[in-house]
N, C-alpha and C. Protein backbone atom coordinates (compact mmCIF):
# COMPACT_ATOMS: atom_id res chain seq x y z
N UNK A 1 0.87 -1.15 0.00
CA UNK A 1 0.00 0.00 0.00
C UNK A 1 0.91 1.20 0.00
N UNK A 2 0.51 2.21 -0.92
CA UNK A 2 1.37 3.36 -1.12
C UNK A 2 1.04 4.40 -0.08
N UNK A 3 2.13 5.08 0.43
CA UNK A 3 1.92 6.13 1.45
C UNK A 3 1.78 7.50 0.81
N UNK A 4 0.86 8.37 1.26
CA UNK A 4 0.61 9.73 0.74
C UNK A 4 1.14 10.74 1.74
N UNK A 5 1.91 11.77 1.25
CA UNK A 5 2.47 12.76 2.20
C UNK A 5 1.37 13.60 2.80
N UNK A 6 1.60 14.16 3.91
CA UNK A 6 0.57 14.98 4.55
C UNK A 6 0.27 16.21 3.69
N UNK A 7 -0.97 16.78 3.78
CA UNK A 7 -1.36 17.92 2.94
C UNK A 7 -0.53 19.17 3.19
N UNK A 8 -0.06 19.40 4.32
CA UNK A 8 0.71 20.60 4.61
C UNK A 8 2.02 20.65 3.88
N UNK A 9 2.51 19.55 3.40
CA UNK A 9 3.78 19.50 2.72
C UNK A 9 3.64 19.39 1.23
N UNK A 10 2.41 19.30 0.71
CA UNK A 10 2.23 19.10 -0.72
C UNK A 10 2.49 20.38 -1.47
N UNK A 11 3.20 20.40 -2.61
CA UNK A 11 3.46 21.56 -3.49
C UNK A 11 4.59 22.43 -3.05
N UNK A 12 5.24 22.20 -1.97
CA UNK A 12 6.36 23.03 -1.48
C UNK A 12 7.65 22.36 -1.85
N UNK A 13 8.54 23.11 -2.36
CA UNK A 13 9.84 22.49 -2.68
C UNK A 13 10.58 22.18 -1.41
N UNK A 14 11.32 21.28 -1.56
CA UNK A 14 12.12 20.90 -0.40
C UNK A 14 13.18 21.94 -0.16
N UNK A 15 13.73 21.89 1.01
CA UNK A 15 14.72 22.91 1.38
C UNK A 15 15.92 22.92 0.48
N UNK A 16 16.13 21.89 -0.19
CA UNK A 16 17.32 21.86 -1.06
C UNK A 16 16.98 22.07 -2.49
N UNK A 17 15.73 22.61 -2.84
CA UNK A 17 15.33 22.76 -4.24
C UNK A 17 15.81 24.07 -4.87
N UNK A 18 15.18 24.46 -6.07
CA UNK A 18 15.57 25.64 -6.84
C UNK A 18 14.75 26.88 -6.47
N UNK A 19 13.98 26.86 -5.47
CA UNK A 19 13.12 27.99 -5.13
C UNK A 19 13.91 29.24 -4.79
N UNK A 20 14.98 29.08 -4.14
CA UNK A 20 15.74 30.27 -3.77
C UNK A 20 16.35 30.94 -4.97
N UNK A 21 16.64 30.23 -6.01
CA UNK A 21 17.20 30.83 -7.22
C UNK A 21 16.14 31.64 -7.96
N UNK A 22 14.95 31.08 -7.93
CA UNK A 22 13.86 31.78 -8.58
C UNK A 22 13.60 33.11 -7.86
N UNK A 23 13.65 33.08 -6.56
CA UNK A 23 13.42 34.30 -5.79
C UNK A 23 14.51 35.33 -6.06
N UNK A 24 15.76 34.90 -6.12
CA UNK A 24 16.87 35.83 -6.41
C UNK A 24 16.73 36.39 -7.80
N UNK A 25 16.34 35.56 -8.78
CA UNK A 25 16.16 36.04 -10.16
C UNK A 25 15.05 37.07 -10.24
N UNK A 26 13.97 36.82 -9.49
CA UNK A 26 12.88 37.79 -9.51
C UNK A 26 13.31 39.11 -8.93
N UNK A 27 14.12 39.07 -7.88
CA UNK A 27 14.62 40.31 -7.29
C UNK A 27 15.53 41.07 -8.26
N UNK A 28 16.38 40.31 -8.97
CA UNK A 28 17.27 40.95 -9.95
C UNK A 28 16.47 41.58 -11.08
N UNK A 29 15.49 40.84 -11.57
CA UNK A 29 14.66 41.35 -12.65
C UNK A 29 13.93 42.62 -12.20
N UNK A 30 13.42 42.64 -11.01
CA UNK A 30 12.74 43.83 -10.50
C UNK A 30 13.70 45.01 -10.36
N UNK A 31 14.95 44.73 -9.94
CA UNK A 31 15.94 45.80 -9.82
C UNK A 31 16.29 46.41 -11.16
N UNK A 32 16.43 45.52 -12.21
CA UNK A 32 16.75 46.02 -13.55
C UNK A 32 15.62 46.90 -14.06
N UNK A 33 14.39 46.45 -13.88
CA UNK A 33 13.24 47.22 -14.34
C UNK A 33 13.20 48.58 -13.63
N UNK A 34 13.45 48.55 -12.33
CA UNK A 34 13.43 49.81 -11.58
C UNK A 34 14.53 50.74 -12.05
N UNK A 35 15.73 50.21 -12.37
CA UNK A 35 16.84 51.03 -12.85
C UNK A 35 16.54 51.65 -14.20
N UNK A 36 15.97 50.83 -15.11
CA UNK A 36 15.61 51.34 -16.44
C UNK A 36 14.56 52.44 -16.32
N UNK A 37 13.58 52.21 -15.46
CA UNK A 37 12.54 53.22 -15.27
C UNK A 37 13.12 54.50 -14.69
N UNK A 38 14.07 54.39 -13.74
CA UNK A 38 14.69 55.58 -13.14
C UNK A 38 15.49 56.37 -14.17
N UNK A 39 16.26 55.62 -15.03
CA UNK A 39 17.06 56.30 -16.06
C UNK A 39 16.18 56.99 -17.08
N UNK A 40 15.08 56.30 -17.46
CA UNK A 40 14.20 56.92 -18.45
C UNK A 40 13.49 58.14 -17.89
N UNK A 41 13.23 58.17 -16.60
CA UNK A 41 12.59 59.34 -16.00
C UNK A 41 13.59 60.47 -15.73
N UNK A 42 14.81 60.11 -15.41
CA UNK A 42 15.79 61.14 -15.05
C UNK A 42 16.62 61.63 -16.21
N UNK A 43 16.56 60.99 -17.37
CA UNK A 43 17.39 61.41 -18.50
C UNK A 43 17.05 62.81 -19.02
N UNK A 44 15.78 63.25 -19.09
CA UNK A 44 15.55 64.65 -19.52
C UNK A 44 16.19 65.65 -18.57
N UNK A 45 16.14 65.38 -17.25
CA UNK A 45 16.77 66.30 -16.32
C UNK A 45 18.27 66.37 -16.54
N UNK A 46 18.86 65.21 -16.84
CA UNK A 46 20.29 65.21 -17.06
C UNK A 46 20.67 66.02 -18.30
N UNK A 47 19.81 65.92 -19.34
CA UNK A 47 20.11 66.70 -20.54
C UNK A 47 20.01 68.19 -20.24
N UNK A 48 19.05 68.61 -19.47
CA UNK A 48 18.90 70.02 -19.13
C UNK A 48 20.08 70.49 -18.30
N UNK A 49 20.49 69.69 -17.36
CA UNK A 49 21.63 70.06 -16.51
C UNK A 49 22.90 70.15 -17.34
N UNK A 50 23.04 69.22 -18.30
CA UNK A 50 24.24 69.24 -19.13
C UNK A 50 24.29 70.47 -20.01
N UNK A 51 23.14 71.03 -20.39
CA UNK A 51 23.14 72.19 -21.26
C UNK A 51 23.17 73.51 -20.50
N UNK A 52 23.08 73.45 -19.17
CA UNK A 52 23.06 74.68 -18.38
C UNK A 52 24.34 75.50 -18.55
N UNK A 53 25.54 74.90 -18.58
CA UNK A 53 26.74 75.74 -18.75
C UNK A 53 26.72 76.52 -20.05
N UNK A 54 26.17 75.92 -21.12
CA UNK A 54 26.11 76.64 -22.39
C UNK A 54 25.09 77.76 -22.35
N UNK A 55 24.01 77.53 -21.58
CA UNK A 55 22.96 78.53 -21.54
C UNK A 55 23.16 79.58 -20.46
N UNK A 56 24.31 79.52 -19.78
CA UNK A 56 24.56 80.48 -18.71
C UNK A 56 24.67 81.89 -19.28
N UNK A 57 24.15 82.91 -18.60
CA UNK A 57 24.23 84.28 -19.12
C UNK A 57 25.66 84.77 -19.19
N UNK A 58 25.94 85.66 -20.14
CA UNK A 58 27.29 86.21 -20.32
C UNK A 58 27.65 87.11 -19.14
N UNK A 59 28.92 87.01 -18.76
CA UNK A 59 29.38 87.85 -17.64
C UNK A 59 29.75 89.26 -18.09
N UNK A 60 29.77 89.52 -19.43
CA UNK A 60 30.11 90.86 -19.92
C UNK A 60 28.98 91.82 -19.62
N UNK A 61 29.27 93.00 -19.15
CA UNK A 61 28.20 93.96 -18.85
C UNK A 61 27.53 94.44 -20.14
N UNK A 62 26.27 94.57 -20.08
CA UNK A 62 25.51 95.06 -21.23
C UNK A 62 25.15 96.52 -20.99
N UNK A 63 25.17 97.31 -22.06
CA UNK A 63 24.88 98.73 -21.98
C UNK A 63 23.51 98.96 -22.59
N UNK A 64 22.69 99.61 -21.82
CA UNK A 64 21.37 99.96 -22.30
C UNK A 64 21.47 101.24 -23.11
N UNK A 65 21.47 101.08 -24.44
CA UNK A 65 21.66 102.25 -25.31
C UNK A 65 20.43 103.12 -25.41
N UNK A 66 19.32 102.63 -24.92
CA UNK A 66 18.11 103.45 -25.02
C UNK A 66 18.21 104.68 -24.13
N UNK A 67 19.06 104.64 -23.10
CA UNK A 67 19.19 105.81 -22.22
C UNK A 67 19.96 106.93 -22.89
N UNK A 68 20.77 106.62 -23.93
CA UNK A 68 21.63 107.62 -24.53
C UNK A 68 21.08 108.16 -25.85
N UNK A 69 19.87 107.80 -26.19
CA UNK A 69 19.32 108.25 -27.47
C UNK A 69 19.16 109.76 -27.51
N UNK A 70 18.79 110.37 -26.38
CA UNK A 70 18.53 111.81 -26.35
C UNK A 70 19.74 112.65 -25.94
N UNK A 71 20.88 112.02 -25.69
CA UNK A 71 22.08 112.75 -25.26
C UNK A 71 22.83 113.23 -26.49
N UNK A 72 23.12 114.56 -26.62
CA UNK A 72 23.85 115.05 -27.80
C UNK A 72 25.30 114.59 -27.76
N UNK A 73 25.94 114.47 -28.90
CA UNK A 73 27.36 114.06 -28.93
C UNK A 73 28.23 115.13 -28.33
N UNK A 74 29.40 114.77 -27.81
CA UNK A 74 30.30 115.77 -27.21
C UNK A 74 30.81 116.72 -28.27
N UNK A 75 31.13 117.98 -27.88
CA UNK A 75 31.63 118.95 -28.86
C UNK A 75 32.99 118.57 -29.37
N UNK A 76 33.27 118.97 -30.58
CA UNK A 76 34.57 118.69 -31.18
C UNK A 76 35.64 119.53 -30.50
N UNK A 77 36.71 118.91 -30.01
CA UNK A 77 37.76 119.69 -29.33
C UNK A 77 38.44 120.63 -30.31
N UNK A 78 38.78 121.82 -29.79
CA UNK A 78 39.45 122.81 -30.61
C UNK A 78 40.91 122.45 -30.77
N UNK A 79 41.45 122.83 -31.89
CA UNK A 79 42.86 122.58 -32.15
C UNK A 79 43.70 123.53 -31.30
N UNK A 80 44.52 122.95 -30.38
CA UNK A 80 45.30 123.77 -29.46
C UNK A 80 46.41 124.53 -30.16
N UNK A 81 46.78 124.08 -31.39
CA UNK A 81 47.88 124.75 -32.06
C UNK A 81 47.45 126.07 -32.69
N UNK A 82 46.14 126.30 -32.83
CA UNK A 82 45.66 127.53 -33.44
C UNK A 82 45.37 128.55 -32.35
N UNK A 83 46.05 129.64 -32.36
CA UNK A 83 45.86 130.67 -31.34
C UNK A 83 44.57 131.43 -31.61
N UNK A 84 43.84 131.78 -30.55
CA UNK A 84 42.61 132.54 -30.77
C UNK A 84 42.91 133.93 -31.33
N UNK A 85 42.00 134.40 -32.15
CA UNK A 85 42.16 135.71 -32.77
C UNK A 85 41.67 136.77 -31.79
N UNK A 86 42.52 137.71 -31.49
CA UNK A 86 42.14 138.80 -30.59
C UNK A 86 42.20 140.11 -31.36
N UNK A 87 41.27 140.97 -31.07
CA UNK A 87 41.20 142.27 -31.73
C UNK A 87 41.65 143.35 -30.75
N UNK A 88 42.58 144.14 -31.19
CA UNK A 88 43.11 145.23 -30.36
C UNK A 88 42.54 146.55 -30.87
N UNK A 89 42.01 147.32 -29.96
CA UNK A 89 41.48 148.63 -30.30
C UNK A 89 42.41 149.70 -29.76
N UNK A 90 42.81 150.59 -30.62
CA UNK A 90 43.72 151.66 -30.22
C UNK A 90 42.91 152.94 -30.08
N UNK A 91 42.96 153.50 -28.89
CA UNK A 91 42.24 154.76 -28.67
C UNK A 91 43.20 155.91 -28.91
N UNK A 92 42.73 156.90 -29.60
CA UNK A 92 43.57 158.06 -29.88
C UNK A 92 44.32 157.88 -31.17
N UNK A 93 45.00 158.92 -31.61
CA UNK A 93 45.73 158.84 -32.88
C UNK A 93 46.93 157.93 -32.78
N UNK A 94 47.27 157.31 -33.90
CA UNK A 94 48.44 156.44 -33.94
C UNK A 94 49.71 157.27 -33.81
N UNK A 95 49.76 158.40 -34.50
CA UNK A 95 50.91 159.30 -34.44
C UNK A 95 50.66 160.32 -33.32
N UNK A 96 51.53 160.32 -32.32
CA UNK A 96 51.32 161.21 -31.17
C UNK A 96 51.43 162.68 -31.56
N UNK A 97 52.02 162.95 -32.71
CA UNK A 97 52.16 164.34 -33.14
C UNK A 97 50.96 164.83 -33.93
N UNK A 98 49.95 163.96 -34.14
CA UNK A 98 48.75 164.37 -34.89
C UNK A 98 47.71 165.06 -34.01
N UNK A 99 48.00 165.23 -32.73
CA UNK A 99 47.03 165.87 -31.83
C UNK A 99 46.86 167.32 -32.24
N UNK A 100 45.60 167.75 -32.32
CA UNK A 100 45.31 169.12 -32.77
C UNK A 100 45.51 170.16 -31.66
N UNK A 101 45.12 169.81 -30.45
CA UNK A 101 45.22 170.78 -29.34
C UNK A 101 46.14 170.21 -28.27
N UNK A 102 47.05 171.05 -27.79
CA UNK A 102 47.97 170.64 -26.73
C UNK A 102 47.62 171.41 -25.45
N UNK A 103 47.13 170.67 -24.46
CA UNK A 103 46.69 171.30 -23.21
C UNK A 103 47.53 170.86 -22.01
N UNK A 104 48.68 170.26 -22.26
CA UNK A 104 49.52 169.80 -21.16
C UNK A 104 50.34 170.94 -20.57
N UNK A 105 51.20 170.57 -19.65
CA UNK A 105 52.06 171.57 -19.00
C UNK A 105 53.43 170.93 -18.77
N UNK A 106 54.43 171.80 -18.59
CA UNK A 106 55.78 171.30 -18.36
C UNK A 106 55.91 170.77 -16.93
N UNK A 107 56.87 169.89 -16.76
CA UNK A 107 57.19 169.35 -15.44
C UNK A 107 58.65 169.68 -15.14
N UNK A 108 59.04 169.43 -13.89
CA UNK A 108 60.44 169.69 -13.52
C UNK A 108 61.38 168.85 -14.36
N UNK A 109 60.99 167.60 -14.61
CA UNK A 109 61.84 166.72 -15.42
C UNK A 109 61.97 167.24 -16.85
N UNK A 110 60.84 167.73 -17.41
CA UNK A 110 60.89 168.26 -18.77
C UNK A 110 61.76 169.52 -18.85
N UNK A 111 61.65 170.41 -17.86
CA UNK A 111 62.47 171.62 -17.86
C UNK A 111 63.96 171.28 -17.76
N UNK A 112 64.28 170.29 -16.93
CA UNK A 112 65.69 169.86 -16.84
C UNK A 112 66.17 169.29 -18.17
N UNK A 113 65.29 168.53 -18.85
CA UNK A 113 65.66 167.99 -20.15
C UNK A 113 65.87 169.08 -21.19
N UNK A 114 65.05 170.12 -21.19
CA UNK A 114 65.21 171.24 -22.13
C UNK A 114 66.53 171.97 -21.90
N UNK A 115 66.89 172.19 -20.63
CA UNK A 115 68.15 172.88 -20.32
C UNK A 115 69.35 172.04 -20.74
N UNK A 116 69.23 170.72 -20.63
CA UNK A 116 70.35 169.85 -21.03
C UNK A 116 70.56 169.95 -22.55
N UNK A 117 69.46 169.92 -23.33
CA UNK A 117 69.60 170.04 -24.79
C UNK A 117 70.12 171.43 -25.15
N UNK A 118 69.74 172.47 -24.38
CA UNK A 118 70.24 173.83 -24.64
C UNK A 118 71.75 173.88 -24.50
N UNK A 119 72.30 173.17 -23.49
CA UNK A 119 73.76 173.14 -23.33
C UNK A 119 74.41 172.41 -24.50
N UNK A 120 73.72 171.41 -25.06
CA UNK A 120 74.27 170.71 -26.23
C UNK A 120 74.32 171.65 -27.44
N UNK A 121 73.30 172.49 -27.59
CA UNK A 121 73.32 173.42 -28.74
C UNK A 121 74.44 174.46 -28.60
N UNK A 122 74.76 174.83 -27.38
CA UNK A 122 75.86 175.79 -27.20
C UNK A 122 77.17 175.19 -27.69
N UNK A 123 77.45 173.93 -27.29
CA UNK A 123 78.71 173.32 -27.72
C UNK A 123 78.69 173.00 -29.21
N UNK A 124 77.57 172.46 -29.66
CA UNK A 124 77.51 171.95 -31.04
C UNK A 124 77.31 173.07 -32.06
N UNK A 125 76.48 174.06 -31.73
CA UNK A 125 76.09 175.08 -32.71
C UNK A 125 76.83 176.41 -32.51
N UNK A 126 76.78 176.93 -31.28
CA UNK A 126 77.30 178.28 -31.06
C UNK A 126 78.83 178.30 -31.03
N UNK A 127 79.47 177.41 -30.28
CA UNK A 127 80.94 177.43 -30.19
C UNK A 127 81.58 177.11 -31.53
N UNK A 128 80.92 176.32 -32.35
CA UNK A 128 81.43 176.08 -33.71
C UNK A 128 81.36 177.36 -34.55
N UNK A 129 80.24 178.11 -34.38
CA UNK A 129 80.09 179.37 -35.15
C UNK A 129 81.07 180.43 -34.67
N UNK A 130 81.47 180.41 -33.39
CA UNK A 130 82.44 181.38 -32.87
C UNK A 130 83.79 181.26 -33.56
N UNK A 131 84.12 180.10 -34.08
CA UNK A 131 85.40 179.95 -34.78
C UNK A 131 85.45 180.83 -36.02
N UNK A 132 84.28 181.07 -36.63
CA UNK A 132 84.22 181.94 -37.81
C UNK A 132 84.00 183.42 -37.44
N UNK A 133 83.31 183.65 -36.33
CA UNK A 133 83.03 185.04 -35.92
C UNK A 133 83.12 185.12 -34.39
N UNK A 134 84.27 185.50 -33.83
CA UNK A 134 84.44 185.54 -32.38
C UNK A 134 83.54 186.54 -31.68
N UNK A 135 82.92 187.48 -32.40
CA UNK A 135 82.04 188.47 -31.77
C UNK A 135 80.57 188.08 -31.82
N UNK A 136 80.30 186.92 -32.35
CA UNK A 136 78.91 186.50 -32.54
C UNK A 136 78.25 186.26 -31.19
N UNK A 137 77.07 186.87 -30.99
CA UNK A 137 76.28 186.66 -29.79
C UNK A 137 74.84 187.08 -30.05
N UNK A 138 73.95 186.68 -29.15
CA UNK A 138 72.57 187.08 -29.33
C UNK A 138 71.62 186.06 -28.69
N UNK A 139 70.35 186.23 -29.07
CA UNK A 139 69.29 185.40 -28.47
C UNK A 139 68.45 184.74 -29.57
N UNK A 140 68.09 183.52 -29.30
CA UNK A 140 67.23 182.75 -30.21
C UNK A 140 66.08 182.19 -29.39
N UNK A 141 64.86 182.32 -29.91
CA UNK A 141 63.70 181.71 -29.25
C UNK A 141 63.15 180.61 -30.16
N UNK A 142 63.01 179.42 -29.60
CA UNK A 142 62.48 178.28 -30.35
C UNK A 142 61.04 178.01 -29.93
N UNK A 143 60.18 177.78 -30.91
CA UNK A 143 58.80 177.35 -30.65
C UNK A 143 58.75 175.82 -30.76
N UNK A 144 58.57 175.17 -29.61
CA UNK A 144 58.61 173.71 -29.55
C UNK A 144 57.21 173.14 -29.31
N UNK A 145 56.94 171.99 -29.92
CA UNK A 145 55.74 171.20 -29.62
C UNK A 145 56.23 169.83 -29.18
N UNK A 146 55.90 169.50 -27.93
CA UNK A 146 56.40 168.25 -27.33
C UNK A 146 55.20 167.33 -27.09
N UNK A 147 55.26 166.11 -27.63
CA UNK A 147 54.15 165.16 -27.52
C UNK A 147 54.06 164.58 -26.12
N UNK A 148 52.99 163.84 -25.89
CA UNK A 148 52.72 163.29 -24.57
C UNK A 148 53.79 162.29 -24.12
N UNK A 149 54.51 161.71 -25.08
CA UNK A 149 55.57 160.76 -24.72
C UNK A 149 56.96 161.39 -24.71
N UNK A 150 57.05 162.70 -24.87
CA UNK A 150 58.34 163.38 -24.83
C UNK A 150 58.97 163.58 -26.18
N UNK A 151 58.32 163.08 -27.24
CA UNK A 151 58.86 163.28 -28.58
C UNK A 151 58.68 164.74 -28.99
N UNK A 152 59.73 165.34 -29.61
CA UNK A 152 59.64 166.72 -30.10
C UNK A 152 59.01 166.67 -31.49
N UNK A 153 57.78 167.16 -31.58
CA UNK A 153 57.05 167.09 -32.86
C UNK A 153 57.49 168.21 -33.81
N UNK A 154 57.80 169.36 -33.27
CA UNK A 154 58.26 170.46 -34.12
C UNK A 154 59.15 171.39 -33.30
N UNK A 155 60.14 172.00 -34.00
CA UNK A 155 61.04 172.98 -33.38
C UNK A 155 61.34 174.04 -34.45
N UNK A 156 60.77 175.18 -34.26
CA UNK A 156 60.94 176.26 -35.25
C UNK A 156 61.54 177.49 -34.57
N UNK A 157 62.32 178.24 -35.33
CA UNK A 157 62.91 179.47 -34.79
C UNK A 157 61.83 180.55 -34.79
N UNK A 158 61.46 180.98 -33.58
CA UNK A 158 60.44 182.03 -33.46
C UNK A 158 61.02 183.42 -33.59
N UNK A 159 62.21 183.60 -33.04
CA UNK A 159 62.89 184.90 -33.15
C UNK A 159 64.38 184.67 -33.05
N UNK A 160 65.17 185.57 -33.68
CA UNK A 160 66.62 185.45 -33.69
C UNK A 160 67.20 186.85 -33.91
N UNK A 161 67.95 187.38 -32.89
CA UNK A 161 68.56 188.70 -33.03
C UNK A 161 70.05 188.61 -33.31
N UNK A 162 70.52 187.42 -33.68
CA UNK A 162 71.94 187.25 -34.02
C UNK A 162 72.17 187.65 -35.47
N UNK A 163 73.37 187.96 -35.78
CA UNK A 163 73.72 188.39 -37.14
C UNK A 163 73.75 187.23 -38.13
N UNK A 164 73.61 186.00 -37.64
CA UNK A 164 73.62 184.81 -38.49
C UNK A 164 72.47 183.90 -38.08
N UNK A 165 71.90 183.24 -39.06
CA UNK A 165 70.82 182.28 -38.76
C UNK A 165 71.35 180.86 -38.53
N UNK A 166 72.65 180.70 -38.66
CA UNK A 166 73.22 179.36 -38.58
C UNK A 166 73.01 178.74 -37.22
N UNK A 167 73.26 179.54 -36.16
CA UNK A 167 73.14 178.98 -34.80
C UNK A 167 71.70 178.60 -34.50
N UNK A 168 70.73 179.45 -34.87
CA UNK A 168 69.32 179.15 -34.60
C UNK A 168 68.83 177.90 -35.32
N UNK A 169 69.20 177.75 -36.59
CA UNK A 169 68.79 176.57 -37.36
C UNK A 169 69.40 175.30 -36.79
N UNK A 170 70.69 175.41 -36.38
CA UNK A 170 71.36 174.24 -35.79
C UNK A 170 70.69 173.86 -34.48
N UNK A 171 70.30 174.84 -33.68
CA UNK A 171 69.65 174.56 -32.40
C UNK A 171 68.30 173.88 -32.62
N UNK A 172 67.55 174.34 -33.63
CA UNK A 172 66.25 173.72 -33.90
C UNK A 172 66.42 172.26 -34.31
N UNK A 173 67.42 171.97 -35.14
CA UNK A 173 67.65 170.57 -35.56
C UNK A 173 68.06 169.71 -34.37
N UNK A 174 68.84 170.29 -33.45
CA UNK A 174 69.27 169.53 -32.28
C UNK A 174 68.08 169.17 -31.39
N UNK A 175 67.16 170.09 -31.19
CA UNK A 175 65.97 169.79 -30.39
C UNK A 175 65.08 168.74 -31.08
N UNK A 176 64.96 168.82 -32.40
CA UNK A 176 64.12 167.85 -33.12
C UNK A 176 64.66 166.42 -32.98
N UNK A 177 65.97 166.28 -32.85
CA UNK A 177 66.57 164.94 -32.74
C UNK A 177 66.59 164.43 -31.32
N UNK A 178 66.06 165.20 -30.36
CA UNK A 178 66.13 164.83 -28.95
C UNK A 178 64.83 164.17 -28.49
N UNK A 179 64.95 163.37 -27.46
CA UNK A 179 63.77 162.79 -26.79
C UNK A 179 63.76 163.30 -25.36
N UNK A 180 62.70 163.98 -24.99
CA UNK A 180 62.62 164.65 -23.70
C UNK A 180 61.69 163.91 -22.75
N UNK A 181 61.76 164.20 -21.45
CA UNK A 181 60.79 163.63 -20.51
C UNK A 181 59.37 164.06 -20.87
N UNK A 182 58.40 163.22 -20.57
CA UNK A 182 57.02 163.49 -20.94
C UNK A 182 56.45 164.66 -20.15
N UNK A 183 55.66 165.49 -20.80
CA UNK A 183 54.98 166.59 -20.08
C UNK A 183 53.80 166.04 -19.26
N UNK A 184 53.19 166.91 -18.50
CA UNK A 184 52.02 166.53 -17.69
C UNK A 184 50.74 166.82 -18.45
N UNK A 185 49.83 165.84 -18.47
CA UNK A 185 48.49 166.07 -19.01
C UNK A 185 48.38 166.14 -20.50
N UNK A 186 49.35 165.64 -21.25
CA UNK A 186 49.27 165.66 -22.70
C UNK A 186 50.37 166.48 -23.33
N UNK A 187 50.26 166.68 -24.64
CA UNK A 187 51.31 167.42 -25.33
C UNK A 187 51.31 168.89 -24.88
N UNK A 188 52.44 169.52 -25.11
CA UNK A 188 52.60 170.89 -24.64
C UNK A 188 53.37 171.71 -25.67
N UNK A 189 53.03 172.99 -25.77
CA UNK A 189 53.77 173.94 -26.61
C UNK A 189 54.63 174.81 -25.71
N UNK A 190 55.91 174.95 -26.09
CA UNK A 190 56.86 175.69 -25.26
C UNK A 190 57.60 176.70 -26.14
N UNK A 191 57.67 177.94 -25.67
CA UNK A 191 58.53 178.96 -26.29
C UNK A 191 59.81 179.00 -25.45
N UNK A 192 60.88 178.44 -26.00
CA UNK A 192 62.09 178.24 -25.20
C UNK A 192 63.18 179.22 -25.65
N UNK A 193 63.62 180.12 -24.75
CA UNK A 193 64.66 181.11 -25.12
C UNK A 193 66.07 180.54 -24.94
N UNK A 194 66.93 180.92 -25.86
CA UNK A 194 68.34 180.51 -25.80
C UNK A 194 69.20 181.78 -25.89
N UNK A 195 70.15 181.89 -24.99
CA UNK A 195 71.05 183.06 -24.97
C UNK A 195 72.46 182.58 -25.27
N UNK A 196 73.07 183.13 -26.30
CA UNK A 196 74.41 182.75 -26.71
C UNK A 196 75.35 183.96 -26.55
N UNK A 197 76.26 183.84 -25.59
CA UNK A 197 77.24 184.89 -25.31
C UNK A 197 78.59 184.18 -25.15
N UNK A 198 79.66 184.78 -25.67
CA UNK A 198 80.98 184.16 -25.50
C UNK A 198 81.31 183.98 -24.02
N UNK A 199 82.12 182.99 -23.74
CA UNK A 199 82.50 182.69 -22.36
C UNK A 199 83.25 183.88 -21.78
N UNK A 200 82.95 184.24 -20.53
CA UNK A 200 83.55 185.37 -19.84
C UNK A 200 82.72 186.63 -20.00
N UNK A 201 81.73 186.68 -20.88
CA UNK A 201 80.91 187.85 -21.06
C UNK A 201 79.49 187.65 -20.52
N UNK A 202 79.30 186.54 -19.88
CA UNK A 202 77.95 186.26 -19.38
C UNK A 202 77.68 187.05 -18.11
C-alpha cells in the first residue's frame, strides 16, 4: 500500500530545491526594471543640466543704449595749435604828433631835459660858429611842440637877433633829434629862449 504525504507539505519544494534561485532572479529582474525606469525618468533632467553651462548668461556687462538716445554728442575739441584771434582797439591817434590841441604843462623833469639840450646846442652850434666870428652873440627863441611821450614834434625858430641864422637853425635841428621827458596832461607847446654869449661875457 502506497503512502501519501501529509497535505501541509504538498506543493512546497524541499529545502534543497531551486526555489531560492527563482526568488533571487525575480529580485534581480525587479531591480533592472526599476533602474531602467529611473534612467528613463531622469534622462531629460540630465540633458537640461548638461546644457546649463552653455545657456549660462554672459558675464560681460551690457549697456542699455536706449538711455543715450537723447544725449547730444560731445563737442569737437578745438585745435590747441591755433591761437585765438584777438582784436586790439587803439584809442587816440596812432601818431602822437597828430594831436590838434595841446593842453599839457611842463614838469620839472621836462624843464631839466630842455636845459640839457640847450647846453648841447651851445657846444655843437654856437661854439662852432664862434670859430668863424668871435664876436657873434645874441638870443634865439624856439617854438617847440612836445608830444605826450616826450617826442619833439616840431622845433621852429620864433625869433633870432643874431647876425647869423646858422646857430638858430642848428639849435632847432638839435631839439628835433632829442627825446625829452614826458609833459604833464598831454602834449605841450613851449617857447624856449636861448642866450648865446661868449664865455667870460655872461
